[in-house]
């Protein structure tokens, strides 16, 4: 279940956010796909494509090893551009 307080990150590929897609170790690959599947309903509602969700999850798991949907979405938010005036 996804936290209902989550807000949508800006929709784009990791590369567009300056984050090159990384690939996790083979042992972590299933975790990346499971995370993508868990986050997909929420991120789909935000406008993300399946490919974008997978690219973000591969990179997240490669960098962090594991995580839940809330921490994954929060991490994507860290690459959102700052609002004007910030």
C-alpha atoms as a PDB file:
ATOM      1  CA  UNK A   1       0.000   0.000   0.000  1.00  0.00           C
ATOM      2  CA  UNK A   2       1.262   3.458  -0.923  1.00  0.00           C
ATOM      3  CA  UNK A   3       1.260   6.380   1.513  1.00  0.00           C
ATOM      4  CA  UNK A   4      -1.604   8.681   0.524  1.00  0.00           C
ATOM      5  CA  UNK A   5       0.450  11.738   1.563  1.00  0.00           C
ATOM      6  CA  UNK A   6       2.910  11.231  -1.296  1.00  0.00           C
ATOM      7  CA  UNK A   7       3.075  13.914  -3.950  1.00  0.00           C
ATOM      8  CA  UNK A   8       3.997  13.353  -7.561  1.00  0.00           C
ATOM      9  CA  UNK A   9       7.571  14.039  -8.568  1.00  0.00           C
ATOM     10  CA  UNK A  10       8.243  15.812 -11.847  1.00  0.00           C
ATOM     11  CA  UNK A  11       7.850  13.292 -14.654  1.00  0.00           C
ATOM     12  CA  UNK A  12      11.064  12.668 -16.536  1.00  0.00           C
ATOM     13  CA  UNK A  13      13.715  10.064 -17.189  1.00  0.00           C
ATOM     14  CA  UNK A  14      16.589   9.815 -14.719  1.00  0.00           C
ATOM     15  CA  UNK A  15      18.975  11.032 -17.436  1.00  0.00           C
ATOM     16  CA  UNK A  16      16.867  14.184 -17.903  1.00  0.00           C
ATOM     17  CA  UNK A  17      17.321  14.822 -14.175  1.00  0.00           C
ATOM     18  CA  UNK A  18      21.093  14.403 -14.472  1.00  0.00           C
ATOM     19  CA  UNK A  19      21.014  10.887 -12.998  1.00  0.00           C
ATOM     20  CA  UNK A  20      22.550   8.257 -15.274  1.00  0.00           C
ATOM     21  CA  UNK A  21      20.680   4.957 -15.154  1.00  0.00           C
ATOM     22  CA  UNK A  22      22.633   2.456 -13.091  1.00  0.00           C
ATOM     23  CA  UNK A  23      22.084  -1.273 -12.934  1.00  0.00           C
ATOM     24  CA  UNK A  24      22.047  -3.173  -9.665  1.00  0.00           C
ATOM     25  CA  UNK A  25      23.943  -6.381  -9.069  1.00  0.00           C
ATOM     26  CA  UNK A  26      22.247  -9.463 -10.418  1.00  0.00           C
ATOM     27  CA  UNK A  27      21.174 -10.421  -6.885  1.00  0.00           C
ATOM     28  CA  UNK A  28      19.366  -7.072  -6.537  1.00  0.00           C
ATOM     29  CA  UNK A  29      17.704  -7.063  -9.954  1.00  0.00           C
ATOM     30  CA  UNK A  30      14.543  -8.781  -8.725  1.00  0.00           C
ATOM     31  CA  UNK A  31      14.253  -6.202  -5.933  1.00  0.00           C
ATOM     32  CA  UNK A  32      14.376  -3.394  -8.496  1.00  0.00           C
ATOM     33  CA  UNK A  33      11.570  -4.997 -10.469  1.00  0.00           C
ATOM     34  CA  UNK A  34       9.501  -5.609  -7.330  1.00  0.00           C
ATOM     35  CA  UNK A  35       9.951  -1.969  -6.288  1.00  0.00           C
ATOM     36  CA  UNK A  36       8.986  -0.788  -9.775  1.00  0.00           C
ATOM     37  CA  UNK A  37       5.865  -2.971  -9.662  1.00  0.00           C
ATOM     38  CA  UNK A  38       4.906  -1.666  -6.216  1.00  0.00           C
ATOM     39  CA  UNK A  39       5.455   1.987  -7.179  1.00  0.00           C
ATOM     40  CA  UNK A  40       3.979   1.743 -10.675  1.00  0.00           C
ATOM     41  CA  UNK A  41       0.293   2.385  -9.766  1.00  0.00           C
ATOM     42  CA  UNK A  42       1.181   5.632  -7.966  1.00  0.00           C
ATOM     43  CA  UNK A  43       3.770   6.817 -10.495  1.00  0.00           C
ATOM     44  CA  UNK A  44       1.490   5.857 -13.391  1.00  0.00           C
ATOM     45  CA  UNK A  45      -1.122   8.221 -11.932  1.00  0.00           C
ATOM     46  CA  UNK A  46       1.612  10.889 -11.866  1.00  0.00           C
ATOM     47  CA  UNK A  47       2.245  10.372 -15.586  1.00  0.00           C
ATOM     48  CA  UNK A  48       5.358   8.193 -15.532  1.00  0.00           C
ATOM     49  CA  UNK A  49       5.760   5.527 -18.208  1.00  0.00           C
ATOM     50  CA  UNK A  50       6.592   1.930 -17.298  1.00  0.00           C
ATOM     51  CA  UNK A  51      10.081   2.438 -18.751  1.00  0.00           C
ATOM     52  CA  UNK A  52      10.685   5.540 -16.613  1.00  0.00           C
ATOM     53  CA  UNK A  53       9.554   3.740 -13.453  1.00  0.00           C
ATOM     54  CA  UNK A  54      11.889   0.835 -14.202  1.00  0.00           C
ATOM     55  CA  UNK A  55      14.877   3.091 -14.970  1.00  0.00           C
ATOM     56  CA  UNK A  56      14.380   5.020 -11.723  1.00  0.00           C
ATOM     57  CA  UNK A  57      13.971   1.799  -9.695  1.00  0.00           C
ATOM     58  CA  UNK A  58      17.076   0.182 -11.206  1.00  0.00           C
ATOM     59  CA  UNK A  59      19.154   3.210 -10.292  1.00  0.00           C
ATOM     60  CA  UNK A  60      17.611   3.501  -6.823  1.00  0.00           C
ATOM     61  CA  UNK A  61      18.324  -0.130  -5.972  1.00  0.00           C
ATOM     62  CA  UNK A  62      21.845   0.093  -7.461  1.00  0.00           C
ATOM     63  CA  UNK A  63      22.573   3.026  -5.160  1.00  0.00           C
ATOM     64  CA  UNK A  64      20.609   2.099  -2.027  1.00  0.00           C
ATOM     65  CA  UNK A  65      20.267  -1.687  -2.132  1.00  0.00           C
ATOM     66  CA  UNK A  66      16.629  -1.749  -1.010  1.00  0.00           C
ATOM     67  CA  UNK A  67      13.734   0.450  -0.006  1.00  0.00           C
ATOM     68  CA  UNK A  68      10.006   0.934   0.026  1.00  0.00           C
ATOM     69  CA  UNK A  69       7.760   2.938  -2.279  1.00  0.00           C
ATOM     70  CA  UNK A  70       7.704   5.974   0.015  1.00  0.00           C
ATOM     71  CA  UNK A  71      11.501   6.231   0.239  1.00  0.00           C
ATOM     72  CA  UNK A  72      11.797   5.570  -3.496  1.00  0.00           C
ATOM     73  CA  UNK A  73       9.376   8.376  -4.412  1.00  0.00           C
ATOM     74  CA  UNK A  74      11.031  10.708  -1.886  1.00  0.00           C
ATOM     75  CA  UNK A  75      14.388   9.948  -3.520  1.00  0.00           C
ATOM     76  CA  UNK A  76      13.019  10.785  -6.990  1.00  0.00           C
ATOM     77  CA  UNK A  77      11.815  14.100  -5.516  1.00  0.00           C
ATOM     78  CA  UNK A  78      15.401  14.980  -4.566  1.00  0.00           C
ATOM     79  CA  UNK A  79      16.063  15.432  -8.288  1.00  0.00           C
ATOM     80  CA  UNK A  80      13.118  17.777  -8.872  1.00  0.00           C
ATOM     81  CA  UNK A  81      14.285  21.273  -9.762  1.00  0.00           C
ATOM     82  CA  UNK A  82      13.920  23.834  -6.993  1.00  0.00           C
ATOM     83  CA  UNK A  83      10.828  25.980  -7.063  1.00  0.00           C
ATOM     84  CA  UNK A  84      11.363  29.595  -8.192  1.00  0.00           C
ATOM     85  CA  UNK A  85      12.664  31.736  -5.378  1.00  0.00           C
ATOM     86  CA  UNK A  86      14.200  28.823  -3.436  1.00  0.00           C
END
